[in-house]
Amino acid sequence: MPRALLVLTRDPSGRMTGRKTVLATAADSLEANGFAVDVVVLAREAPEPQWQGRPVTHVPLPGLPRVAVSAVGALARRRSSLNESLFVSGRTRRAVAAVAAGEPPAVVVADSLRTLALAEATGAPVLVHLDDLLSERFAARADGSASGDVLGFFGQQLPRAVARPASVLARRLLRTEARLVRAREDHAARDSAIVATTSQQDADTLARRSGRTVHALPMAVRADAAPADPAQAPATSFAFLGYLDYAPNIAALRWWRDAVRPALERLGGGDVTLTAIGHGAPEVMEELARAGIQVTGYVEDLAAELKRHRGFVAPVTDGMGVKTKVLDALAVGLPVVGTTPGLAGVGAEPGREVLVADDPEAFARAVLRLRDDPALAAALGGAGHALVRRVWSPEASAERWAKALGDLVADSGAKAPR
């Protein structure tokens, strides 16, 4: 059986995030295509020796002095990005190459730009999964077109005299890093055997930049066999899902608090409640609680928690890629109200599978439609559930990976999924 080696910058086990769902999808899809999967994890702490039955090798991260030297070199030579400095050194290159040397893999999957140089050091064909285009995200943050403080949540905790110069410095560094990352993304697109992103939009952007095929390989979500009946849930109860230390999620909930909530109250929706499912820093959770948003922290049974609500909201104002939170809601049959960025890449038809609204009053009106029309809530929930089963299933993901792997599957002797 041919071997695939995943080179990851995070422990894939434990509580799931959107990115971990993408990694799990990659491993499952490779196995569905006939590969045996081994995993290398670059992290400070050693992960478990196995992840879902797959052997895991731990490679410790470079020390701070090595990172500092690499970062200075990246700025001086412009041959790598600052992001890569956190993970790439002579020692980590040799360690990953040694894992690959024992039984040479048919393909090495780099989980991001950060591990591209490590995957290339193995000498095997590389599939680099860039997730989203960091260059686009950094550039938007640097020029102010993305919402939120460039310093993130904790920038608000700094004294104004410190925060202003820190913001100026952060923007300059982000502009520089955006240029470095863009050059590395273009290198990946030119020189890797296969290049992929999570969303089709990012794949199309990089394809235009590089002039070669870029595949969209998003996460897979299994539709709940017993979907929700939103018509039976409390009419005024809505949910949001996300890691509450992630800046776009914080920005989304602040937009709800500062713009959508007042619009709801003007339109007679003062009885609408929002529950945020997820965990974050105590300061963030306290801020949300003061705004009247109920915060659950992590929940053991996500599907059961989502089914308690009439609908799901994705008031996302920035951020790139497909939002796993939206797929999770659709997968249990919950109707979704989202902004255009919140629903990007999902492929849902507005008005039939989701409701889309980009200004606060329109968003509030869409929420009230679900509150006041249980039949509409049920119809949207059912259509969204069917979309996940049709487009976002593990089986559909395996087919996408088979297409991306292309001739590599045939050359390695692996079998495409049936």
Protein backbone atom coordinates (compact mmCIF):
# COMPACT_ATOMS: atom_id res chain seq x y z
CA MET A 1 0.00 0.00 0.00
CA PRO A 2 1.45 3.42 -0.95
CA ARG A 3 2.28 5.78 1.88
CA ALA A 4 1.26 9.40 2.43
CA LEU A 5 3.00 11.59 5.00
CA LEU A 6 1.15 14.52 6.58
CA VAL A 7 3.41 17.29 7.94
CA LEU A 8 1.36 19.36 10.39
CA THR A 9 1.93 22.48 12.45
CA ARG A 10 -0.57 21.52 15.12
CA ASP A 11 -1.68 18.48 17.06
CA PRO A 12 -4.73 17.25 15.09
CA SER A 13 -6.28 15.47 18.07
CA GLY A 14 -8.41 16.96 20.82
CA ARG A 15 -11.14 19.56 20.45
CA MET A 16 -11.96 20.20 16.83
CA THR A 17 -11.50 23.52 15.06
CA GLY A 18 -12.19 24.36 11.45
CA ARG A 19 -8.57 23.78 10.47
CA LYS A 20 -8.41 20.47 12.35
CA THR A 21 -11.52 19.39 10.45
CA VAL A 22 -9.67 20.11 7.19
CA LEU A 23 -6.71 18.02 8.39
CA ALA A 24 -8.94 15.12 9.42
CA THR A 25 -10.62 15.31 6.03
CA ALA A 26 -7.23 15.14 4.31
CA ALA A 27 -6.24 12.02 6.23
CA ASP A 28 -9.60 10.32 5.71
CA SER A 29 -9.64 11.17 2.00
CA LEU A 30 -6.11 9.85 1.46
CA GLU A 31 -7.09 6.59 3.13
CA ALA A 32 -10.24 6.41 1.02
CA ASN A 33 -7.96 6.67 -2.02
CA GLY A 34 -5.83 3.72 -0.90
CA PHE A 35 -2.98 5.40 1.00
CA ALA A 36 -1.59 4.48 4.38
CA VAL A 37 -1.23 7.73 6.33
CA ASP A 38 1.60 8.66 8.70
CA VAL A 39 1.74 11.96 10.53
CA VAL A 40 4.52 14.34 11.61
CA VAL A 41 3.52 17.04 14.11
CA LEU A 42 5.71 20.08 14.75
CA ALA A 43 4.84 21.34 18.22
CA ARG A 44 6.33 22.33 21.56
CA GLU A 45 4.49 19.60 23.43
CA ALA A 46 4.60 15.99 22.27
CA PRO A 47 1.26 14.82 20.84
CA GLU A 48 -0.23 11.39 21.41
CA PRO A 49 1.73 8.66 19.57
CA GLN A 50 -1.31 7.86 17.44
CA TRP A 51 -4.09 9.91 15.89
CA GLN A 52 -7.17 7.90 14.99
CA GLY A 53 -4.98 4.83 14.52
CA ARG A 54 -2.32 6.64 12.47
CA PRO A 55 1.28 6.74 13.75
CA VAL A 56 2.41 10.20 14.86
CA THR A 57 6.02 11.43 15.03
CA HIS A 58 6.78 14.50 17.11
CA VAL A 59 9.31 17.05 15.85
CA PRO A 60 10.05 19.78 18.43
CA LEU A 61 9.88 23.37 17.25
CA PRO A 62 13.04 25.42 16.79
CA GLY A 63 14.19 27.35 19.85
CA LEU A 64 13.69 31.10 20.15
CA PRO A 65 17.28 31.99 19.10
CA ARG A 66 16.91 29.91 15.94
CA VAL A 67 13.54 31.51 15.19
CA ALA A 68 15.04 34.99 15.63
CA VAL A 69 17.91 34.20 13.24
CA SER A 70 15.48 32.74 10.69
CA ALA A 71 13.20 35.77 10.94
CA VAL A 72 16.08 38.18 10.34
CA GLY A 73 17.19 36.05 7.40
CA ALA A 74 13.66 36.05 5.97
CA LEU A 75 13.54 39.85 6.08
CA ALA A 76 17.03 40.20 4.64
CA ARG A 77 16.96 37.58 1.88
CA ARG A 78 13.23 37.59 1.07
CA ARG A 79 13.38 33.84 0.36
CA SER A 80 10.94 32.75 3.04
CA SER A 81 8.24 34.26 5.24
CA LEU A 82 8.26 35.17 8.91
CA ASN A 83 5.59 32.51 9.45
CA GLU A 84 7.95 29.82 8.24
CA SER A 85 10.63 30.97 10.68
CA LEU A 86 8.60 29.50 13.52
CA PHE A 87 8.89 25.97 12.11
CA VAL A 88 11.76 25.66 9.64
CA SER A 89 15.37 25.06 10.64
CA GLY A 90 18.12 22.70 9.60
CA ARG A 91 17.15 20.39 12.45
CA THR A 92 13.43 20.26 11.60
CA ARG A 93 14.26 19.70 7.91
CA ARG A 94 16.49 16.74 8.80
CA ALA A 95 13.93 15.31 11.22
CA VAL A 96 11.11 15.34 8.67
CA ALA A 97 13.39 13.95 5.94
CA ALA A 98 14.40 11.13 8.29
CA VAL A 99 10.76 10.15 8.85
CA ALA A 100 10.26 9.99 5.09
CA ALA A 101 13.49 8.08 4.42
CA GLY A 102 12.49 4.84 6.14
CA GLU A 103 9.70 4.08 3.70
CA PRO A 104 9.61 6.77 1.01
CA PRO A 105 6.10 8.22 0.70
CA ALA A 106 4.27 8.51 -2.59
CA VAL A 107 3.17 11.99 -1.52
CA VAL A 108 3.96 14.40 1.31
CA VAL A 109 1.15 16.75 2.33
CA ALA A 110 2.28 20.09 3.76
CA ASP A 111 -0.56 21.43 5.89
CA SER A 112 0.32 25.07 5.16
CA LEU A 113 2.99 27.35 3.78
CA ARG A 114 4.79 26.91 7.12
CA THR A 115 5.66 23.29 6.36
CA LEU A 116 6.33 23.60 2.63
CA ALA A 117 10.14 23.70 2.99
CA LEU A 118 10.03 20.71 5.33
CA ALA A 119 7.93 18.69 2.90
CA GLU A 120 10.25 19.63 0.03
CA ALA A 121 13.23 18.37 2.07
CA THR A 122 11.89 14.81 1.78
CA GLY A 123 12.41 14.71 -2.00
CA ALA A 124 8.93 13.20 -2.46
CA PRO A 125 6.10 14.77 -4.49
CA VAL A 126 4.50 17.53 -2.40
CA LEU A 127 0.84 18.42 -2.10
CA VAL A 128 0.76 21.76 -0.29
CA HIS A 129 -2.59 22.67 1.25
CA LEU A 130 -2.43 26.42 1.85
CA ASP A 131 -5.78 26.56 3.69
CA ASP A 132 -6.52 30.19 2.78
CA LEU A 133 -4.29 32.77 1.11
CA LEU A 134 -2.43 34.37 4.00
CA SER A 135 -1.07 37.05 1.68
CA GLU A 136 -4.59 38.29 0.98
CA ARG A 137 -5.57 38.17 4.65
CA PHE A 138 -2.45 39.99 5.83
CA ALA A 139 -2.74 42.64 3.13
CA ALA A 140 -6.38 43.31 4.04
CA ARG A 141 -5.49 43.60 7.72
CA ALA A 142 -2.54 45.88 7.00
CA ASP A 143 -4.43 48.31 4.76
CA GLY A 144 -7.45 48.44 7.07
CA SER A 145 -9.97 46.86 4.67
CA ALA A 146 -10.51 44.00 7.13
CA SER A 147 -12.54 44.89 10.20
CA GLY A 148 -11.07 44.89 13.65
CA ASP A 149 -7.94 46.18 15.35
CA VAL A 150 -4.71 45.14 13.62
CA LEU A 151 -3.45 44.11 17.08
CA GLY A 152 -6.47 41.91 17.67
CA PHE A 153 -8.55 41.74 20.84
CA PHE A 154 -5.68 42.39 23.20
CA GLY A 155 -4.77 45.58 21.38
CA GLN A 156 -7.74 47.12 23.15
CA GLN A 157 -6.12 46.36 26.49
CA LEU A 158 -3.04 48.48 25.74
CA PRO A 159 -2.76 52.12 26.84
CA ARG A 160 -3.49 54.46 23.95
CA ALA A 161 0.04 55.86 24.01
CA VAL A 162 1.38 52.34 23.44
CA ALA A 163 -1.37 51.03 21.16
CA ARG A 164 -0.93 53.68 18.46
CA PRO A 165 2.77 53.12 17.73
CA ALA A 166 2.27 49.36 18.15
CA SER A 167 -0.47 49.46 15.50
CA VAL A 168 1.76 51.40 13.09
CA LEU A 169 4.58 48.88 13.55
CA ALA A 170 2.18 45.94 13.20
CA ARG A 171 0.82 47.30 9.92
CA ARG A 172 4.31 47.73 8.50
CA LEU A 173 5.27 44.19 9.49
CA LEU A 174 2.04 42.83 8.05
CA ARG A 175 2.64 44.59 4.73
CA THR A 176 6.13 43.11 4.58
CA GLU A 177 4.88 39.67 5.56
CA ALA A 178 2.07 39.87 3.00
CA ARG A 179 4.67 40.42 0.26
CA LEU A 180 6.90 37.60 1.53
CA VAL A 181 3.98 35.20 1.85
CA ARG A 182 2.66 36.06 -1.60
CA ALA A 183 6.05 35.20 -3.12
CA ARG A 184 6.08 31.89 -1.23
CA GLU A 185 2.50 31.09 -2.26
CA ASP A 186 3.45 31.70 -5.88
CA HIS A 187 6.52 29.47 -5.43
CA ALA A 188 4.27 26.72 -4.01
CA ALA A 189 1.90 27.05 -6.95
CA ARG A 190 4.75 26.84 -9.47
CA ASP A 191 6.92 24.14 -7.93
CA SER A 192 4.76 21.79 -5.85
CA ALA A 193 3.36 18.68 -7.50
CA ILE A 194 -0.14 19.68 -6.33
CA VAL A 195 -1.38 22.89 -4.72
CA ALA A 196 -4.69 23.34 -2.94
CA THR A 197 -6.67 25.75 -0.80
CA THR A 198 -9.78 25.25 1.31
CA SER A 199 -12.12 27.50 -0.66
CA GLN A 200 -12.82 27.62 -4.38
CA GLN A 201 -12.50 31.42 -4.31
CA ASP A 202 -8.92 31.22 -3.01
CA ALA A 203 -8.13 28.44 -5.48
CA ASP A 204 -9.36 30.61 -8.35
CA THR A 205 -7.33 33.60 -7.11
CA LEU A 206 -4.09 31.61 -6.87
CA ALA A 207 -4.76 29.95 -10.22
CA ARG A 208 -5.01 33.38 -11.85
CA ARG A 209 -1.80 34.48 -10.17
CA SER A 210 0.19 31.35 -11.00
CA GLY A 211 -1.30 30.23 -14.29
CA ARG A 212 -1.71 26.63 -13.11
CA THR A 213 -4.46 24.47 -11.68
CA VAL A 214 -5.16 24.99 -7.99
CA HIS A 215 -7.56 22.58 -6.31
CA ALA A 216 -10.19 23.40 -3.70
CA LEU A 217 -10.00 20.74 -0.99
CA PRO A 218 -12.32 21.83 1.82
CA MET A 219 -13.39 20.07 4.98
CA ALA A 220 -15.92 17.26 4.95
CA VAL A 221 -18.95 17.34 7.22
CA ARG A 222 -21.21 14.37 7.77
CA ALA A 223 -24.88 15.32 7.76
CA ASP A 224 -26.74 14.30 10.91
CA ALA A 225 -28.92 11.27 10.27
CA ALA A 226 -31.68 12.79 12.43
CA PRO A 227 -31.72 16.49 11.51
CA ALA A 228 -33.28 19.17 13.67
CA ASP A 229 -36.85 20.33 13.40
CA PRO A 230 -36.32 24.06 13.85
CA ALA A 231 -40.07 24.65 13.78
CA GLN A 232 -40.23 22.92 17.19
CA ALA A 233 -37.40 24.92 18.77
CA PRO A 234 -37.97 28.13 20.77
CA ALA A 235 -38.75 30.78 18.17
CA THR A 236 -36.51 33.46 19.67
CA SER A 237 -33.40 31.33 20.25
CA PHE A 238 -30.44 31.60 17.84
CA ALA A 239 -26.90 30.21 17.94
CA PHE A 240 -23.40 31.16 16.87
CA LEU A 241 -20.42 28.80 16.88
CA GLY A 242 -16.71 29.50 16.91
CA TYR A 243 -13.42 29.72 18.74
CA LEU A 244 -13.75 32.94 20.72
CA ASP A 245 -10.06 33.82 20.64
CA TYR A 246 -10.22 34.11 16.83
CA ALA A 247 -10.38 37.74 15.74
CA PRO A 248 -13.02 37.33 12.95
CA ASN A 249 -15.34 35.53 15.39
CA ILE A 250 -14.95 38.30 17.96
CA ALA A 251 -15.57 40.90 15.25
CA ALA A 252 -18.71 39.01 14.14
CA LEU A 253 -20.18 39.01 17.64
CA ARG A 254 -19.33 42.68 18.14
CA TRP A 255 -21.13 43.51 14.89
CA TRP A 256 -24.14 41.59 16.20
CA ARG A 257 -23.96 43.50 19.48
CA ASP A 258 -23.32 46.96 18.04
CA ALA A 259 -25.34 46.88 14.81
CA VAL A 260 -27.71 43.92 14.48
CA ARG A 261 -29.00 43.91 18.05
CA PRO A 262 -30.13 47.56 17.92
CA ALA A 263 -31.81 46.89 14.58
CA LEU A 264 -33.66 43.92 16.09
CA GLU A 265 -34.91 46.07 18.94
CA ARG A 266 -36.15 48.75 16.53
CA LEU A 267 -38.01 46.10 14.52
CA GLY A 268 -39.68 44.42 17.48
CA GLY A 269 -37.11 41.68 17.95
CA GLY A 270 -36.00 42.54 21.46
CA ASP A 271 -36.95 39.02 22.57
CA VAL A 272 -34.35 37.36 20.29
CA THR A 273 -31.49 35.71 22.20
CA LEU A 274 -28.09 34.62 20.94
CA THR A 275 -26.02 31.76 22.34
CA ALA A 276 -22.31 31.67 21.43
CA ILE A 277 -20.96 28.12 21.49
CA GLY A 278 -17.22 28.12 22.01
CA HIS A 279 -14.47 29.04 24.40
CA GLY A 280 -12.13 32.00 24.56
CA ALA A 281 -10.11 34.19 26.86
CA PRO A 282 -11.96 35.20 30.05
CA GLU A 283 -11.90 38.84 28.95
CA VAL A 284 -13.70 37.99 25.71
CA MET A 285 -16.29 35.79 27.38
CA GLU A 286 -17.00 38.47 29.99
CA GLU A 287 -17.38 41.11 27.27
CA LEU A 288 -19.91 38.96 25.41
CA ALA A 289 -21.84 38.14 28.56
CA ARG A 290 -22.13 41.87 29.37
CA ALA A 291 -23.64 42.34 25.89
CA GLY A 292 -26.37 39.82 26.70
CA ILE A 293 -24.86 37.03 24.61
CA GLN A 294 -25.07 33.67 26.35
CA VAL A 295 -21.70 31.88 26.22
CA THR A 296 -21.62 28.11 26.67
CA GLY A 297 -17.91 27.37 26.37
CA TYR A 298 -17.18 24.04 24.71
CA VAL A 299 -20.00 21.51 24.59
CA GLU A 300 -19.60 17.75 24.41
CA ASP A 301 -22.52 17.20 22.02
CA LEU A 302 -22.46 19.99 19.45
CA ALA A 303 -25.32 18.60 17.36
CA ALA A 304 -27.62 18.41 20.38
CA GLU A 305 -26.75 21.97 21.40
CA LEU A 306 -27.38 23.35 17.90
CA LYS A 307 -30.73 21.59 17.67
CA ARG A 308 -31.98 23.54 20.68
CA HIS A 309 -32.27 26.70 18.56
CA ARG A 310 -34.60 28.07 15.89
CA GLY A 311 -31.70 29.17 13.68
CA PHE A 312 -28.01 29.91 13.31
CA VAL A 313 -26.35 33.23 12.55
CA ALA A 314 -23.03 33.90 10.81
CA PRO A 315 -22.63 37.71 11.10
CA VAL A 316 -19.07 37.47 9.78
CA THR A 317 -17.58 40.73 8.57
CA ASP A 318 -14.14 39.47 7.54
CA GLY A 319 -12.05 36.33 7.37
CA MET A 320 -11.39 34.07 4.44
CA GLY A 321 -12.20 30.52 3.40
CA VAL A 322 -15.17 28.28 4.05
CA LYS A 323 -16.66 28.69 7.52
CA THR A 324 -16.91 25.30 9.20
CA LYS A 325 -19.41 26.76 11.64
CA VAL A 326 -21.92 27.24 8.82
CA LEU A 327 -21.48 23.68 7.58
CA ASP A 328 -21.90 22.35 11.12
CA ALA A 329 -25.21 24.20 11.41
CA LEU A 330 -26.45 23.06 8.00
CA ALA A 331 -25.37 19.50 8.78
CA VAL A 332 -27.88 19.26 11.63
CA GLY A 333 -30.67 20.90 9.63
CA LEU A 334 -30.49 24.34 11.25
CA PRO A 335 -31.49 27.30 9.03
CA VAL A 336 -28.71 29.85 8.62
CA VAL A 337 -28.70 33.64 8.30
CA GLY A 338 -25.28 34.84 7.16
CA THR A 339 -23.40 37.66 5.53
CA THR A 340 -21.73 37.19 2.17
CA PRO A 341 -18.31 36.60 3.84
CA GLY A 342 -19.91 34.23 6.34
CA LEU A 343 -21.39 32.08 3.58
CA ALA A 344 -18.50 32.34 1.12
CA GLY A 345 -17.58 29.07 -0.50
CA VAL A 346 -20.49 27.10 0.93
CA GLY A 347 -22.32 27.07 -2.40
CA ALA A 348 -25.75 27.56 -0.82
CA GLU A 349 -28.57 29.13 -2.82
CA PRO A 350 -29.85 32.32 -1.17
CA GLY A 351 -33.53 32.12 -0.27
CA ARG A 352 -33.68 28.36 -0.69
CA GLU A 353 -30.85 26.95 1.43
CA VAL A 354 -29.78 30.04 3.43
CA LEU A 355 -30.73 33.66 4.02
CA VAL A 356 -28.09 36.27 3.09
CA ALA A 357 -27.94 39.82 4.47
CA ASP A 358 -25.03 42.25 4.61
CA ASP A 359 -26.38 45.30 6.41
CA PRO A 360 -27.62 45.28 10.01
CA GLU A 361 -31.29 45.96 9.31
CA ALA A 362 -31.51 43.35 6.54
CA PHE A 363 -29.77 40.86 8.82
CA ALA A 364 -32.22 41.62 11.64
CA ARG A 365 -35.18 41.22 9.27
CA ALA A 366 -33.88 37.82 8.11
CA VAL A 367 -33.58 36.66 11.73
CA LEU A 368 -37.15 37.81 12.39
CA ARG A 369 -38.38 35.91 9.33
CA LEU A 370 -37.12 32.71 10.92
CA ARG A 371 -38.56 33.67 14.29
CA ASP A 372 -42.00 34.37 12.84
CA ASP A 373 -42.21 31.68 10.15
CA PRO A 374 -41.53 28.16 11.48
CA ALA A 375 -42.39 26.64 8.09
CA LEU A 376 -39.70 28.74 6.43
CA ALA A 377 -37.21 27.75 9.13
CA ALA A 378 -37.98 24.08 8.56
CA ALA A 379 -37.76 24.39 4.76
CA LEU A 380 -34.41 26.19 4.85
CA GLY A 381 -33.06 23.73 7.41
CA GLY A 382 -34.08 20.76 5.28
CA ALA A 383 -32.59 22.23 2.11
CA GLY A 384 -29.31 23.07 3.87
CA HIS A 385 -29.12 19.56 5.30
CA ALA A 386 -29.57 18.10 1.82
CA LEU A 387 -26.81 20.40 0.50
CA VAL A 388 -24.33 19.05 3.05
CA ARG A 389 -25.23 15.46 2.18
CA ARG A 390 -24.81 16.18 -1.52
CA VAL A 391 -21.69 18.39 -1.61
CA TRP A 392 -19.85 18.25 1.72
CA SER A 393 -19.93 14.56 2.61
CA PRO A 394 -16.76 12.51 3.24
CA GLU A 395 -17.50 10.62 0.03
CA ALA A 396 -17.59 13.85 -2.00
CA SER A 397 -14.35 14.93 -0.35
CA ALA A 398 -12.63 11.68 -1.29
CA GLU A 399 -13.63 12.26 -4.89
CA ARG A 400 -12.16 15.77 -4.80
CA TRP A 401 -8.90 14.40 -3.41
CA ALA A 402 -8.82 11.68 -6.07
CA LYS A 403 -9.13 14.33 -8.77
CA ALA A 404 -6.39 16.45 -7.18
CA LEU A 405 -4.02 13.51 -6.80
CA GLY A 406 -4.66 12.64 -10.45
CA ASP A 407 -1.84 10.68 -12.05
CA LEU A 408 -0.14 10.34 -8.68
CA VAL A 409 -2.84 7.88 -7.62
CA ALA A 410 -2.32 5.76 -10.73
CA ASP A 411 1.47 5.91 -10.49
CA SER A 412 1.47 4.87 -6.84
CA GLY A 413 -0.89 1.97 -7.32
CA ALA A 414 -3.53 3.47 -5.01
CA LYS A 415 -7.18 2.95 -5.77
CA ALA A 416 -9.61 5.80 -6.28
CA PRO A 417 -12.79 5.70 -4.17
CA ARG A 418 -15.80 3.93 -5.54
